[in-house]
Amino acid sequence: MQGMGWIAAIIVGAIAGWIAEKLMKSDHGLLMNIILGILGAVIMNFLLVTLLGATLGGWLGQLVVGVIGACILIALGRVLRRKT
């Protein structure tokens, strides 16, 4: 999460993970929400910078990026669980 401190990244990651959890009708704990939100934001920021040369800035932009990334990770986890 660009331009944010660790505490802000954890807070925004937790909110992004929680929103993604509700959107995807999933049930995770607080720690998993934080992990999904932060990891989703990191992956989506990398993809956006690679493909478009820029990413969304600020808290709100990173929240949106984190939610999208976390939703993708939740969907990917569901696909992988079905195959095994």
N, C-alpha and C. Protein backbone atom coordinates (compact mmCIF):
# COMPACT_ATOMS: atom_id res chain seq x y z
N MET A 1 0.86 -1.16 0.00
CA MET A 1 0.00 0.00 0.00
C MET A 1 0.90 1.22 0.00
N GLN A 2 0.89 1.88 -1.08
CA GLN A 2 1.82 2.97 -1.28
C GLN A 2 1.45 4.19 -0.45
N GLY A 3 2.47 4.78 0.18
CA GLY A 3 2.29 6.02 0.91
C GLY A 3 1.60 5.89 2.25
N MET A 4 1.46 4.69 2.77
CA MET A 4 0.81 4.48 4.06
C MET A 4 1.79 3.87 5.04
N GLY A 5 1.62 4.18 6.30
CA GLY A 5 2.40 3.53 7.34
C GLY A 5 1.83 2.15 7.62
N TRP A 6 2.53 1.41 8.46
CA TRP A 6 2.10 0.05 8.77
C TRP A 6 0.75 0.00 9.47
N ILE A 7 0.53 0.90 10.40
CA ILE A 7 -0.74 0.91 11.14
C ILE A 7 -1.90 1.22 10.19
N ALA A 8 -1.71 2.23 9.34
CA ALA A 8 -2.76 2.58 8.37
C ALA A 8 -3.01 1.44 7.40
N ALA A 9 -1.94 0.76 6.97
CA ALA A 9 -2.09 -0.37 6.05
C ALA A 9 -2.89 -1.50 6.70
N ILE A 10 -2.65 -1.74 7.98
CA ILE A 10 -3.38 -2.79 8.69
C ILE A 10 -4.85 -2.41 8.83
N ILE A 11 -5.12 -1.16 9.16
CA ILE A 11 -6.51 -0.71 9.32
C ILE A 11 -7.25 -0.78 7.99
N VAL A 12 -6.64 -0.22 6.93
CA VAL A 12 -7.28 -0.24 5.61
C VAL A 12 -7.41 -1.68 5.12
N GLY A 13 -6.39 -2.52 5.36
CA GLY A 13 -6.46 -3.93 4.97
C GLY A 13 -7.58 -4.67 5.67
N ALA A 14 -7.76 -4.39 6.96
CA ALA A 14 -8.84 -5.04 7.72
C ALA A 14 -10.21 -4.63 7.18
N ILE A 15 -10.36 -3.35 6.89
CA ILE A 15 -11.64 -2.88 6.35
C ILE A 15 -11.88 -3.46 4.96
N ALA A 16 -10.84 -3.48 4.12
CA ALA A 16 -10.97 -4.03 2.77
C ALA A 16 -11.30 -5.52 2.84
N GLY A 17 -10.64 -6.25 3.71
CA GLY A 17 -10.92 -7.68 3.87
C GLY A 17 -12.33 -7.93 4.37
N TRP A 18 -12.79 -7.10 5.30
CA TRP A 18 -14.15 -7.25 5.82
C TRP A 18 -15.19 -6.99 4.73
N ILE A 19 -14.98 -5.92 3.95
CA ILE A 19 -15.91 -5.60 2.86
C ILE A 19 -15.92 -6.73 1.84
N ALA A 20 -14.74 -7.23 1.48
CA ALA A 20 -14.66 -8.34 0.52
C ALA A 20 -15.35 -9.59 1.07
N GLU A 21 -15.18 -9.83 2.36
CA GLU A 21 -15.84 -10.97 3.01
C GLU A 21 -17.36 -10.87 2.87
N LYS A 22 -17.90 -9.68 3.09
CA LYS A 22 -19.34 -9.48 2.99
C LYS A 22 -19.81 -9.59 1.54
N LEU A 23 -19.04 -9.01 0.60
CA LEU A 23 -19.41 -9.07 -0.81
C LEU A 23 -19.41 -10.50 -1.35
N MET A 24 -18.44 -11.28 -0.90
CA MET A 24 -18.29 -12.65 -1.39
C MET A 24 -19.06 -13.67 -0.54
N LYS A 25 -19.80 -13.18 0.45
CA LYS A 25 -20.58 -14.04 1.35
C LYS A 25 -19.71 -15.16 1.91
N SER A 26 -18.63 -14.74 2.51
CA SER A 26 -17.64 -15.66 3.08
C SER A 26 -17.59 -15.44 4.58
N ASP A 27 -16.91 -16.30 5.30
CA ASP A 27 -16.81 -16.15 6.74
C ASP A 27 -15.37 -16.39 7.18
N HIS A 28 -14.65 -15.30 7.43
CA HIS A 28 -13.27 -15.36 7.90
C HIS A 28 -13.18 -14.59 9.21
N GLY A 29 -12.09 -14.80 9.90
CA GLY A 29 -11.84 -14.05 11.12
C GLY A 29 -11.15 -12.73 10.82
N LEU A 30 -10.92 -11.96 11.86
CA LEU A 30 -10.29 -10.64 11.72
C LEU A 30 -8.89 -10.75 11.13
N LEU A 31 -8.09 -11.68 11.60
CA LEU A 31 -6.73 -11.83 11.09
C LEU A 31 -6.72 -12.17 9.61
N MET A 32 -7.59 -13.07 9.19
CA MET A 32 -7.66 -13.43 7.77
C MET A 32 -8.15 -12.26 6.93
N ASN A 33 -9.07 -11.45 7.47
CA ASN A 33 -9.51 -10.25 6.76
C ASN A 33 -8.36 -9.29 6.54
N ILE A 34 -7.54 -9.10 7.57
CA ILE A 34 -6.39 -8.20 7.45
C ILE A 34 -5.42 -8.74 6.40
N ILE A 35 -5.13 -10.02 6.47
CA ILE A 35 -4.20 -10.63 5.52
C ILE A 35 -4.74 -10.52 4.10
N LEU A 36 -6.01 -10.87 3.89
CA LEU A 36 -6.59 -10.79 2.56
C LEU A 36 -6.62 -9.37 2.02
N GLY A 37 -6.97 -8.42 2.88
CA GLY A 37 -7.01 -7.02 2.45
C GLY A 37 -5.65 -6.49 2.06
N ILE A 38 -4.63 -6.74 2.87
CA ILE A 38 -3.30 -6.25 2.57
C ILE A 38 -2.71 -6.98 1.37
N LEU A 39 -2.82 -8.30 1.35
CA LEU A 39 -2.28 -9.07 0.22
C LEU A 39 -3.01 -8.71 -1.07
N GLY A 40 -4.32 -8.55 -1.00
CA GLY A 40 -5.09 -8.16 -2.19
C GLY A 40 -4.66 -6.80 -2.71
N ALA A 41 -4.41 -5.86 -1.82
CA ALA A 41 -3.97 -4.53 -2.23
C ALA A 41 -2.58 -4.58 -2.85
N VAL A 42 -1.69 -5.38 -2.26
CA VAL A 42 -0.34 -5.49 -2.80
C VAL A 42 -0.36 -6.08 -4.21
N ILE A 43 -1.12 -7.15 -4.38
CA ILE A 43 -1.20 -7.80 -5.69
C ILE A 43 -1.85 -6.87 -6.72
N MET A 44 -2.95 -6.23 -6.34
CA MET A 44 -3.63 -5.34 -7.29
C MET A 44 -2.79 -4.11 -7.61
N ASN A 45 -2.08 -3.56 -6.63
CA ASN A 45 -1.19 -2.43 -6.90
C ASN A 45 -0.11 -2.83 -7.89
N PHE A 46 0.46 -4.02 -7.71
CA PHE A 46 1.47 -4.50 -8.64
C PHE A 46 0.91 -4.62 -10.05
N LEU A 47 -0.28 -5.23 -10.16
CA LEU A 47 -0.91 -5.39 -11.48
C LEU A 47 -1.24 -4.05 -12.12
N LEU A 48 -1.77 -3.12 -11.34
CA LEU A 48 -2.12 -1.82 -11.88
C LEU A 48 -0.89 -1.05 -12.35
N VAL A 49 0.17 -1.08 -11.58
CA VAL A 49 1.39 -0.39 -11.97
C VAL A 49 2.01 -1.05 -13.20
N THR A 50 1.96 -2.38 -13.25
CA THR A 50 2.53 -3.09 -14.39
C THR A 50 1.73 -2.83 -15.67
N LEU A 51 0.42 -2.88 -15.57
CA LEU A 51 -0.42 -2.75 -16.76
C LEU A 51 -0.71 -1.30 -17.15
N LEU A 52 -0.95 -0.45 -16.17
CA LEU A 52 -1.38 0.92 -16.45
C LEU A 52 -0.32 1.97 -16.13
N GLY A 53 0.69 1.59 -15.38
CA GLY A 53 1.73 2.54 -15.01
C GLY A 53 1.41 3.38 -13.79
N ALA A 54 0.25 3.17 -13.18
CA ALA A 54 -0.15 3.94 -12.00
C ALA A 54 -1.17 3.13 -11.20
N THR A 55 -1.41 3.58 -9.99
CA THR A 55 -2.40 2.95 -9.13
C THR A 55 -3.26 4.03 -8.48
N LEU A 56 -4.29 3.63 -7.79
CA LEU A 56 -5.14 4.59 -7.10
C LEU A 56 -4.44 5.06 -5.83
N GLY A 57 -4.45 6.34 -5.58
CA GLY A 57 -3.75 6.87 -4.41
C GLY A 57 -4.71 7.16 -3.26
N GLY A 58 -4.14 7.42 -2.11
CA GLY A 58 -4.93 7.79 -0.93
C GLY A 58 -5.58 6.60 -0.27
N TRP A 59 -6.20 6.88 0.87
CA TRP A 59 -6.85 5.84 1.64
C TRP A 59 -8.01 5.20 0.89
N LEU A 60 -8.83 6.03 0.28
CA LEU A 60 -10.01 5.51 -0.42
C LEU A 60 -9.60 4.68 -1.63
N GLY A 61 -8.63 5.15 -2.38
CA GLY A 61 -8.15 4.40 -3.53
C GLY A 61 -7.57 3.06 -3.13
N GLN A 62 -6.78 3.05 -2.07
CA GLN A 62 -6.20 1.81 -1.59
C GLN A 62 -7.26 0.88 -1.01
N LEU A 63 -8.31 1.43 -0.45
CA LEU A 63 -9.41 0.61 0.05
C LEU A 63 -10.10 -0.11 -1.12
N VAL A 64 -10.36 0.63 -2.19
CA VAL A 64 -10.99 0.04 -3.38
C VAL A 64 -10.09 -1.05 -3.97
N VAL A 65 -8.81 -0.75 -4.11
CA VAL A 65 -7.85 -1.71 -4.65
C VAL A 65 -7.79 -2.95 -3.75
N GLY A 66 -7.76 -2.74 -2.44
CA GLY A 66 -7.72 -3.85 -1.49
C GLY A 66 -8.96 -4.72 -1.54
N VAL A 67 -10.12 -4.11 -1.68
CA VAL A 67 -11.37 -4.88 -1.77
C VAL A 67 -11.37 -5.74 -3.02
N ILE A 68 -11.00 -5.16 -4.15
CA ILE A 68 -10.97 -5.91 -5.41
C ILE A 68 -9.98 -7.06 -5.31
N GLY A 69 -8.78 -6.76 -4.80
CA GLY A 69 -7.77 -7.80 -4.65
C GLY A 69 -8.20 -8.90 -3.70
N ALA A 70 -8.81 -8.54 -2.58
CA ALA A 70 -9.27 -9.54 -1.61
C ALA A 70 -10.38 -10.41 -2.20
N CYS A 71 -11.27 -9.81 -2.96
CA CYS A 71 -12.34 -10.58 -3.63
C CYS A 71 -11.74 -11.60 -4.60
N ILE A 72 -10.71 -11.18 -5.32
CA ILE A 72 -10.04 -12.09 -6.25
C ILE A 72 -9.39 -13.23 -5.48
N LEU A 73 -8.74 -12.92 -4.36
CA LEU A 73 -8.10 -13.97 -3.56
C LEU A 73 -9.13 -14.94 -2.97
N ILE A 74 -10.26 -14.43 -2.51
CA ILE A 74 -11.31 -15.30 -1.98
C ILE A 74 -11.83 -16.22 -3.08
N ALA A 75 -12.08 -15.67 -4.27
CA ALA A 75 -12.56 -16.48 -5.40
C ALA A 75 -11.51 -17.53 -5.79
N LEU A 76 -10.25 -17.14 -5.81
CA LEU A 76 -9.17 -18.08 -6.14
C LEU A 76 -9.09 -19.20 -5.10
N GLY A 77 -9.24 -18.85 -3.82
CA GLY A 77 -9.25 -19.86 -2.77
C GLY A 77 -10.39 -20.85 -2.92
N ARG A 78 -11.55 -20.37 -3.33
CA ARG A 78 -12.70 -21.26 -3.54
C ARG A 78 -12.43 -22.22 -4.68
N VAL A 79 -11.86 -21.71 -5.77
CA VAL A 79 -11.55 -22.55 -6.93
C VAL A 79 -10.54 -23.64 -6.55
N LEU A 80 -9.50 -23.24 -5.81
CA LEU A 80 -8.47 -24.20 -5.42
C LEU A 80 -9.02 -25.25 -4.46
N ARG A 81 -9.91 -24.87 -3.57
CA ARG A 81 -10.49 -25.83 -2.63
C ARG A 81 -11.39 -26.84 -3.34
N ARG A 82 -12.08 -26.40 -4.40
CA ARG A 82 -12.96 -27.29 -5.15
C ARG A 82 -12.17 -28.35 -5.90
N LYS A 83 -11.00 -27.98 -6.38
CA LYS A 83 -10.20 -28.90 -7.20
C LYS A 83 -9.50 -29.99 -6.38
N THR A 84 -9.37 -29.78 -5.09
CA THR A 84 -8.67 -30.79 -4.28
C THR A 84 -9.61 -31.69 -3.56
